[in-house]
Amino acid sequence: MDLITIKTFNFPSEVAIAQSFLEMEGITVYLKNYTASQLSYSIGDIDMLVSEEDYEKAKAALIEGGFAVEEDFQKQ
């Protein structure tokens, strides 16, 4: 299974809400740097990853939930 970074967050609280929202939609979410970011915000951002198969569904859900806008995905 290939994972794709769908969004990068600055704070653990932001990612937790978006993660719960996606999981309620049936999308499995993986987080990179989550634990390290809880120790210190200066360590880096938190990457939210989803499977390649769930990418479009996750993208639509993030937009619908107000966690992202279409322009956020045009860079990828």
PDB file of N, CA and C in Angstrom:
ATOM      1  N   MET A   1       0.846  -1.177   0.000  1.00  0.00           N
ATOM      2  CA  MET A   1       0.000   0.000   0.000  1.00  0.00           C
ATOM      3  C   MET A   1       0.890   1.237   0.000  1.00  0.00           C
ATOM      4  N   ASP A   2       0.670   2.091  -0.964  1.00  0.00           N
ATOM      5  CA  ASP A   2       1.410   3.344  -1.050  1.00  0.00           C
ATOM      6  C   ASP A   2       0.661   4.430  -0.288  1.00  0.00           C
ATOM      7  N   LEU A   3       1.411   5.198   0.505  1.00  0.00           N
ATOM      8  CA  LEU A   3       0.827   6.298   1.266  1.00  0.00           C
ATOM      9  C   LEU A   3       1.210   7.620   0.635  1.00  0.00           C
ATOM     10  N   ILE A   4       0.281   8.562   0.690  1.00  0.00           N
ATOM     11  CA  ILE A   4       0.485   9.889   0.127  1.00  0.00           C
ATOM     12  C   ILE A   4       0.226  10.920   1.230  1.00  0.00           C
ATOM     13  N   THR A   5       1.096  11.905   1.336  1.00  0.00           N
ATOM     14  CA  THR A   5       0.857  13.008   2.264  1.00  0.00           C
ATOM     15  C   THR A   5      -0.247  13.873   1.681  1.00  0.00           C
ATOM     16  N   ILE A   6      -1.338  13.961   2.408  1.00  0.00           N
ATOM     17  CA  ILE A   6      -2.474  14.739   1.918  1.00  0.00           C
ATOM     18  C   ILE A   6      -2.497  16.149   2.489  1.00  0.00           C
ATOM     19  N   LYS A   7      -1.957  16.318   3.698  1.00  0.00           N
ATOM     20  CA  LYS A   7      -1.952  17.648   4.309  1.00  0.00           C
ATOM     21  C   LYS A   7      -0.887  17.674   5.399  1.00  0.00           C
ATOM     22  N   THR A   8      -0.332  18.848   5.608  1.00  0.00           N
ATOM     23  CA  THR A   8       0.643  19.063   6.663  1.00  0.00           C
ATOM     24  C   THR A   8       0.069  20.068   7.657  1.00  0.00           C
ATOM     25  N   PHE A   9       0.177  19.729   8.928  1.00  0.00           N
ATOM     26  CA  PHE A   9      -0.364  20.566  10.001  1.00  0.00           C
ATOM     27  C   PHE A   9       0.767  21.103  10.860  1.00  0.00           C
ATOM     28  N   ASN A  10       0.530  22.224  11.509  1.00  0.00           N
ATOM     29  CA  ASN A  10       1.517  22.833  12.386  1.00  0.00           C
ATOM     30  C   ASN A  10       1.372  22.418  13.840  1.00  0.00           C
ATOM     31  N   PHE A  11       0.152  22.077  14.263  1.00  0.00           N
ATOM     32  CA  PHE A  11      -0.112  21.807  15.674  1.00  0.00           C
ATOM     33  C   PHE A  11      -0.859  20.490  15.857  1.00  0.00           C
ATOM     34  N   PRO A  12      -0.544  19.732  16.907  1.00  0.00           N
ATOM     35  CA  PRO A  12      -1.222  18.457  17.173  1.00  0.00           C
ATOM     36  C   PRO A  12      -2.737  18.587  17.306  1.00  0.00           C
ATOM     37  N   SER A  13      -3.209  19.675  17.888  1.00  0.00           N
ATOM     38  CA  SER A  13      -4.655  19.841  18.053  1.00  0.00           C
ATOM     39  C   SER A  13      -5.376  19.934  16.712  1.00  0.00           C
ATOM     40  N   GLU A  14      -4.748  20.584  15.734  1.00  0.00           N
ATOM     41  CA  GLU A  14      -5.351  20.699  14.397  1.00  0.00           C
ATOM     42  C   GLU A  14      -5.476  19.334  13.738  1.00  0.00           C
ATOM     43  N   VAL A  15      -4.417  18.563  13.804  1.00  0.00           N
ATOM     44  CA  VAL A  15      -4.409  17.277  13.118  1.00  0.00           C
ATOM     45  C   VAL A  15      -5.363  16.287  13.780  1.00  0.00           C
ATOM     46  N   ALA A  16      -5.521  16.356  15.088  1.00  0.00           N
ATOM     47  CA  ALA A  16      -6.400  15.418  15.790  1.00  0.00           C
ATOM     48  C   ALA A  16      -7.851  15.566  15.342  1.00  0.00           C
ATOM     49  N   ILE A  17      -8.297  16.787  15.154  1.00  0.00           N
ATOM     50  CA  ILE A  17      -9.677  17.022  14.729  1.00  0.00           C
ATOM     51  C   ILE A  17      -9.879  16.533  13.297  1.00  0.00           C
ATOM     52  N   ALA A  18      -8.953  16.860  12.410  1.00  0.00           N
ATOM     53  CA  ALA A  18      -9.060  16.425  11.014  1.00  0.00           C
ATOM     54  C   ALA A  18      -8.972  14.905  10.913  1.00  0.00           C
ATOM     55  N   GLN A  19      -8.100  14.294  11.710  1.00  0.00           N
ATOM     56  CA  GLN A  19      -7.967  12.842  11.711  1.00  0.00           C
ATOM     57  C   GLN A  19      -9.292  12.182  12.120  1.00  0.00           C
ATOM     58  N   SER A  20      -9.901  12.675  13.182  1.00  0.00           N
ATOM     59  CA  SER A  20     -11.186  12.126  13.628  1.00  0.00           C
ATOM     60  C   SER A  20     -12.249  12.262  12.548  1.00  0.00           C
ATOM     61  N   PHE A  21     -12.261  13.396  11.878  1.00  0.00           N
ATOM     62  CA  PHE A  21     -13.237  13.636  10.816  1.00  0.00           C
ATOM     63  C   PHE A  21     -13.065  12.619   9.686  1.00  0.00           C
ATOM     64  N   LEU A  22     -11.825  12.412   9.249  1.00  0.00           N
ATOM     65  CA  LEU A  22     -11.586  11.460   8.166  1.00  0.00           C
ATOM     66  C   LEU A  22     -11.911  10.034   8.598  1.00  0.00           C
ATOM     67  N   GLU A  23     -11.568   9.687   9.815  1.00  0.00           N
ATOM     68  CA  GLU A  23     -11.855   8.335  10.296  1.00  0.00           C
ATOM     69  C   GLU A  23     -13.353   8.088  10.402  1.00  0.00           C
ATOM     70  N   MET A  24     -14.138   9.125  10.708  1.00  0.00           N
ATOM     71  CA  MET A  24     -15.599   8.983  10.708  1.00  0.00           C
ATOM     72  C   MET A  24     -16.113   8.723   9.293  1.00  0.00           C
ATOM     73  N   GLU A  25     -15.355   9.152   8.293  1.00  0.00           N
ATOM     74  CA  GLU A  25     -15.711   8.914   6.885  1.00  0.00           C
ATOM     75  C   GLU A  25     -15.202   7.553   6.402  1.00  0.00           C
ATOM     76  N   GLY A  26     -14.565   6.806   7.293  1.00  0.00           N
ATOM     77  CA  GLY A  26     -14.069   5.478   6.940  1.00  0.00           C
ATOM     78  C   GLY A  26     -12.690   5.473   6.305  1.00  0.00           C
ATOM     79  N   ILE A  27     -11.948   6.560   6.466  1.00  0.00           N
ATOM     80  CA  ILE A  27     -10.623   6.690   5.863  1.00  0.00           C
ATOM     81  C   ILE A  27      -9.564   6.483   6.948  1.00  0.00           C
ATOM     82  N   THR A  28      -8.670   5.534   6.719  1.00  0.00           N
ATOM     83  CA  THR A  28      -7.575   5.295   7.646  1.00  0.00           C
ATOM     84  C   THR A  28      -6.509   6.360   7.451  1.00  0.00           C
ATOM     85  N   VAL A  29      -6.062   6.946   8.552  1.00  0.00           N
ATOM     86  CA  VAL A  29      -5.098   8.047   8.533  1.00  0.00           C
ATOM     87  C   VAL A  29      -3.831   7.619   9.258  1.00  0.00           C
ATOM     88  N   TYR A  30      -2.705   7.984   8.692  1.00  0.00           N
ATOM     89  CA  TYR A  30      -1.400   7.751   9.310  1.00  0.00           C
ATOM     90  C   TYR A  30      -0.752   9.113   9.541  1.00  0.00           C
ATOM     91  N   LEU A  31      -0.051   9.239  10.653  1.00  0.00           N
ATOM     92  CA  LEU A  31       0.578  10.509  10.992  1.00  0.00           C
ATOM     93  C   LEU A  31       2.092  10.336  11.089  1.00  0.00           C
ATOM     94  N   LYS A  32       2.806  11.284  10.527  1.00  0.00           N
ATOM     95  CA  LYS A  32       4.266  11.301  10.578  1.00  0.00           C
ATOM     96  C   LYS A  32       4.693  12.509  11.409  1.00  0.00           C
ATOM     97  N   ASN A  33       5.549  12.292  12.383  1.00  0.00           N
ATOM     98  CA  ASN A  33       6.083  13.336  13.275  1.00  0.00           C
ATOM     99  C   ASN A  33       5.096  13.777  14.349  1.00  0.00           C
ATOM    100  N   TYR A  34       4.016  13.047  14.566  1.00  0.00           N
ATOM    101  CA  TYR A  34       3.015  13.458  15.547  1.00  0.00           C
ATOM    102  C   TYR A  34       3.578  13.443  16.965  1.00  0.00           C
ATOM    103  N   THR A  35       4.198  12.343  17.358  1.00  0.00           N
ATOM    104  CA  THR A  35       4.719  12.233  18.719  1.00  0.00           C
ATOM    105  C   THR A  35       5.817  13.252  18.972  1.00  0.00           C
ATOM    106  N   ALA A  36       6.702  13.425  18.020  1.00  0.00           N
ATOM    107  CA  ALA A  36       7.789  14.398  18.181  1.00  0.00           C
ATOM    108  C   ALA A  36       7.248  15.809  18.318  1.00  0.00           C
ATOM    109  N   SER A  37       6.188  16.128  17.595  1.00  0.00           N
ATOM    110  CA  SER A  37       5.636  17.483  17.647  1.00  0.00           C
ATOM    111  C   SER A  37       4.995  17.781  18.999  1.00  0.00           C
ATOM    112  N   GLN A  38       4.563  16.748  19.699  1.00  0.00           N
ATOM    113  CA  GLN A  38       3.988  16.965  21.025  1.00  0.00           C
ATOM    114  C   GLN A  38       5.060  17.340  22.038  1.00  0.00           C
ATOM    115  N   LEU A  39       6.285  16.933  21.787  1.00  0.00           N
ATOM    116  CA  LEU A  39       7.381  17.271  22.681  1.00  0.00           C
ATOM    117  C   LEU A  39       7.803  18.722  22.502  1.00  0.00           C
ATOM    118  N   SER A  40       7.850  19.151  21.239  1.00  0.00           N
ATOM    119  CA  SER A  40       8.252  20.525  20.953  1.00  0.00           C
ATOM    120  C   SER A  40       7.761  20.909  19.569  1.00  0.00           C
ATOM    121  N   TYR A  41       7.075  22.036  19.470  1.00  0.00           N
ATOM    122  CA  TYR A  41       6.570  22.498  18.175  1.00  0.00           C
ATOM    123  C   TYR A  41       7.706  22.816  17.211  1.00  0.00           C
ATOM    124  N   SER A  42       8.879  23.079  17.740  1.00  0.00           N
ATOM    125  CA  SER A  42       9.999  23.442  16.873  1.00  0.00           C
ATOM    126  C   SER A  42      10.582  22.249  16.124  1.00  0.00           C
ATOM    127  N   ILE A  43      10.159  21.045  16.478  1.00  0.00           N
ATOM    128  CA  ILE A  43      10.703  19.849  15.823  1.00  0.00           C
ATOM    129  C   ILE A  43      10.246  19.769  14.370  1.00  0.00           C
ATOM    130  N   GLY A  44       9.052  20.201  14.101  1.00  0.00           N
ATOM    131  CA  GLY A  44       8.587  20.170  12.717  1.00  0.00           C
ATOM    132  C   GLY A  44       7.094  19.972  12.609  1.00  0.00           C
ATOM    133  N   ASP A  45       6.633  19.974  11.389  1.00  0.00           N
ATOM    134  CA  ASP A  45       5.217  19.840  11.109  1.00  0.00           C
ATOM    135  C   ASP A  45       4.794  18.369  11.171  1.00  0.00           C
ATOM    136  N   ILE A  46       3.482  18.164  11.205  1.00  0.00           N
ATOM    137  CA  ILE A  46       2.906  16.830  11.241  1.00  0.00           C
ATOM    138  C   ILE A  46       2.313  16.539   9.867  1.00  0.00           C
ATOM    139  N   ASP A  47       2.751  15.464   9.257  1.00  0.00           N
ATOM    140  CA  ASP A  47       2.228  15.068   7.958  1.00  0.00           C
ATOM    141  C   ASP A  47       1.092  14.075   8.142  1.00  0.00           C
ATOM    142  N   MET A  48      -0.024  14.325   7.469  1.00  0.00           N
ATOM    143  CA  MET A  48      -1.150  13.397   7.449  1.00  0.00           C
ATOM    144  C   MET A  48      -1.078  12.621   6.146  1.00  0.00           C
ATOM    145  N   LEU A  49      -1.046  11.310   6.270  1.00  0.00           N
ATOM    146  CA  LEU A  49      -0.934  10.452   5.104  1.00  0.00           C
ATOM    147  C   LEU A  49      -2.162   9.554   4.990  1.00  0.00           C
ATOM    148  N   VAL A  50      -2.556   9.274   3.756  1.00  0.00           N
ATOM    149  CA  VAL A  50      -3.644   8.341   3.476  1.00  0.00           C
ATOM    150  C   VAL A  50      -3.182   7.420   2.354  1.00  0.00           C
ATOM    151  N   SER A  51      -3.892   6.317   2.202  1.00  0.00           N
ATOM    152  CA  SER A  51      -3.544   5.410   1.108  1.00  0.00           C
ATOM    153  C   SER A  51      -3.854   6.066  -0.228  1.00  0.00           C
ATOM    154  N   GLU A  52      -3.149   5.619  -1.238  1.00  0.00           N
ATOM    155  CA  GLU A  52      -3.366   6.151  -2.588  1.00  0.00           C
ATOM    156  C   GLU A  52      -4.824   5.952  -3.007  1.00  0.00           C
ATOM    157  N   GLU A  53      -5.404   4.827  -2.591  1.00  0.00           N
ATOM    158  CA  GLU A  53      -6.796   4.517  -2.940  1.00  0.00           C
ATOM    159  C   GLU A  53      -7.788   5.475  -2.279  1.00  0.00           C
ATOM    160  N   ASP A  54      -7.443   5.985  -1.096  1.00  0.00           N
ATOM    161  CA  ASP A  54      -8.344   6.878  -0.355  1.00  0.00           C
ATOM    162  C   ASP A  54      -8.075   8.361  -0.604  1.00  0.00           C
ATOM    163  N   TYR A  55      -7.072   8.680  -1.404  1.00  0.00           N
ATOM    164  CA  TYR A  55      -6.653  10.073  -1.556  1.00  0.00           C
ATOM    165  C   TYR A  55      -7.790  10.994  -2.008  1.00  0.00           C
ATOM    166  N   GLU A  56      -8.484  10.657  -3.066  1.00  0.00           N
ATOM    167  CA  GLU A  56      -9.538  11.532  -3.594  1.00  0.00           C
ATOM    168  C   GLU A  56     -10.688  11.682  -2.603  1.00  0.00           C
ATOM    169  N   LYS A  57     -11.059  10.579  -1.943  1.00  0.00           N
ATOM    170  CA  LYS A  57     -12.128  10.632  -0.937  1.00  0.00           C
ATOM    171  C   LYS A  57     -11.700  11.502   0.247  1.00  0.00           C
ATOM    172  N   ALA A  58     -10.451  11.361   0.679  1.00  0.00           N
ATOM    173  CA  ALA A  58      -9.931  12.155   1.799  1.00  0.00           C
ATOM    174  C   ALA A  58      -9.853  13.627   1.420  1.00  0.00           C
ATOM    175  N   LYS A  59      -9.411  13.898   0.221  1.00  0.00           N
ATOM    176  CA  LYS A  59      -9.324  15.280  -0.272  1.00  0.00           C
ATOM    177  C   LYS A  59     -10.700  15.941  -0.234  1.00  0.00           C
ATOM    178  N   ALA A  60     -11.696  15.256  -0.761  1.00  0.00           N
ATOM    179  CA  ALA A  60     -13.057  15.795  -0.778  1.00  0.00           C
ATOM    180  C   ALA A  60     -13.578  15.996   0.646  1.00  0.00           C
ATOM    181  N   ALA A  61     -13.268  15.064   1.545  1.00  0.00           N
ATOM    182  CA  ALA A  61     -13.733  15.175   2.928  1.00  0.00           C
ATOM    183  C   ALA A  61     -13.065  16.350   3.648  1.00  0.00           C
ATOM    184  N   LEU A  62     -11.774  16.553   3.418  1.00  0.00           N
ATOM    185  CA  LEU A  62     -11.079  17.679   4.052  1.00  0.00           C
ATOM    186  C   LEU A  62     -11.643  19.014   3.581  1.00  0.00           C
ATOM    187  N   ILE A  63     -11.975  19.095   2.306  1.00  0.00           N
ATOM    188  CA  ILE A  63     -12.575  20.326   1.768  1.00  0.00           C
ATOM    189  C   ILE A  63     -13.973  20.519   2.352  1.00  0.00           C
ATOM    190  N   GLU A  64     -14.757  19.448   2.337  1.00  0.00           N
ATOM    191  CA  GLU A  64     -16.125  19.513   2.860  1.00  0.00           C
ATOM    192  C   GLU A  64     -16.137  19.895   4.349  1.00  0.00           C
ATOM    193  N   GLY A  65     -15.179  19.389   5.100  1.00  0.00           N
ATOM    194  CA  GLY A  65     -15.118  19.658   6.531  1.00  0.00           C
ATOM    195  C   GLY A  65     -14.494  20.991   6.886  1.00  0.00           C
ATOM    196  N   GLY A  66     -13.989  21.703   5.889  1.00  0.00           N
ATOM    197  CA  GLY A  66     -13.398  23.009   6.143  1.00  0.00           C
ATOM    198  C   GLY A  66     -11.946  22.960   6.608  1.00  0.00           C
ATOM    199  N   PHE A  67     -11.297  21.820   6.446  1.00  0.00           N
ATOM    200  CA  PHE A  67      -9.902  21.676   6.841  1.00  0.00           C
ATOM    201  C   PHE A  67      -8.929  22.048   5.720  1.00  0.00           C
ATOM    202  N   ALA A  68      -9.459  22.202   4.519  1.00  0.00           N
ATOM    203  CA  ALA A  68      -8.624  22.525   3.363  1.00  0.00           C
ATOM    204  C   ALA A  68      -9.499  23.179   2.301  1.00  0.00           C
ATOM    205  N   VAL A  69      -8.841  23.780   1.322  1.00  0.00           N
ATOM    206  CA  VAL A  69      -9.522  24.317   0.146  1.00  0.00           C
ATOM    207  C   VAL A  69      -8.890  23.673  -1.082  1.00  0.00           C
ATOM    208  N   GLU A  70      -9.583  23.729  -2.182  1.00  0.00           N
ATOM    209  CA  GLU A  70      -9.114  23.088  -3.411  1.00  0.00           C
ATOM    210  C   GLU A  70      -7.694  23.501  -3.773  1.00  0.00           C
ATOM    211  N   GLU A  71      -7.370  24.757  -3.559  1.00  0.00           N
ATOM    212  CA  GLU A  71      -6.045  25.267  -3.926  1.00  0.00           C
ATOM    213  C   GLU A  71      -4.919  24.587  -3.149  1.00  0.00           C
ATOM    214  N   ASP A  72      -5.224  24.044  -1.974  1.00  0.00           N
ATOM    215  CA  ASP A  72      -4.209  23.336  -1.188  1.00  0.00           C
ATOM    216  C   ASP A  72      -3.663  22.115  -1.931  1.00  0.00           C
ATOM    217  N   PHE A  73      -4.447  21.570  -2.835  1.00  0.00           N
ATOM    218  CA  PHE A  73      -4.071  20.333  -3.511  1.00  0.00           C
ATOM    219  C   PHE A  73      -3.521  20.561  -4.909  1.00  0.00           C
ATOM    220  N   GLN A  74      -3.537  21.763  -5.399  1.00  0.00           N
ATOM    221  CA  GLN A  74      -3.035  22.041  -6.732  1.00  0.00           C
ATOM    222  C   GLN A  74      -1.523  22.025  -6.790  1.00  0.00           C
ATOM    223  N   LYS A  75      -0.866  22.127  -5.637  1.00  0.00           N
ATOM    224  CA  LYS A  75       0.602  22.112  -5.584  1.00  0.00           C
ATOM    225  C   LYS A  75       1.155  20.710  -5.764  1.00  0.00           C
ATOM    226  N   GLN A  76       0.342  19.706  -5.496  1.00  0.00           N
ATOM    227  CA  GLN A  76       0.826  18.331  -5.493  1.00  0.00           C
ATOM    228  C   GLN A  76       0.807  17.716  -6.866  1.00  0.00           C
TER     229      GLN A  76
END
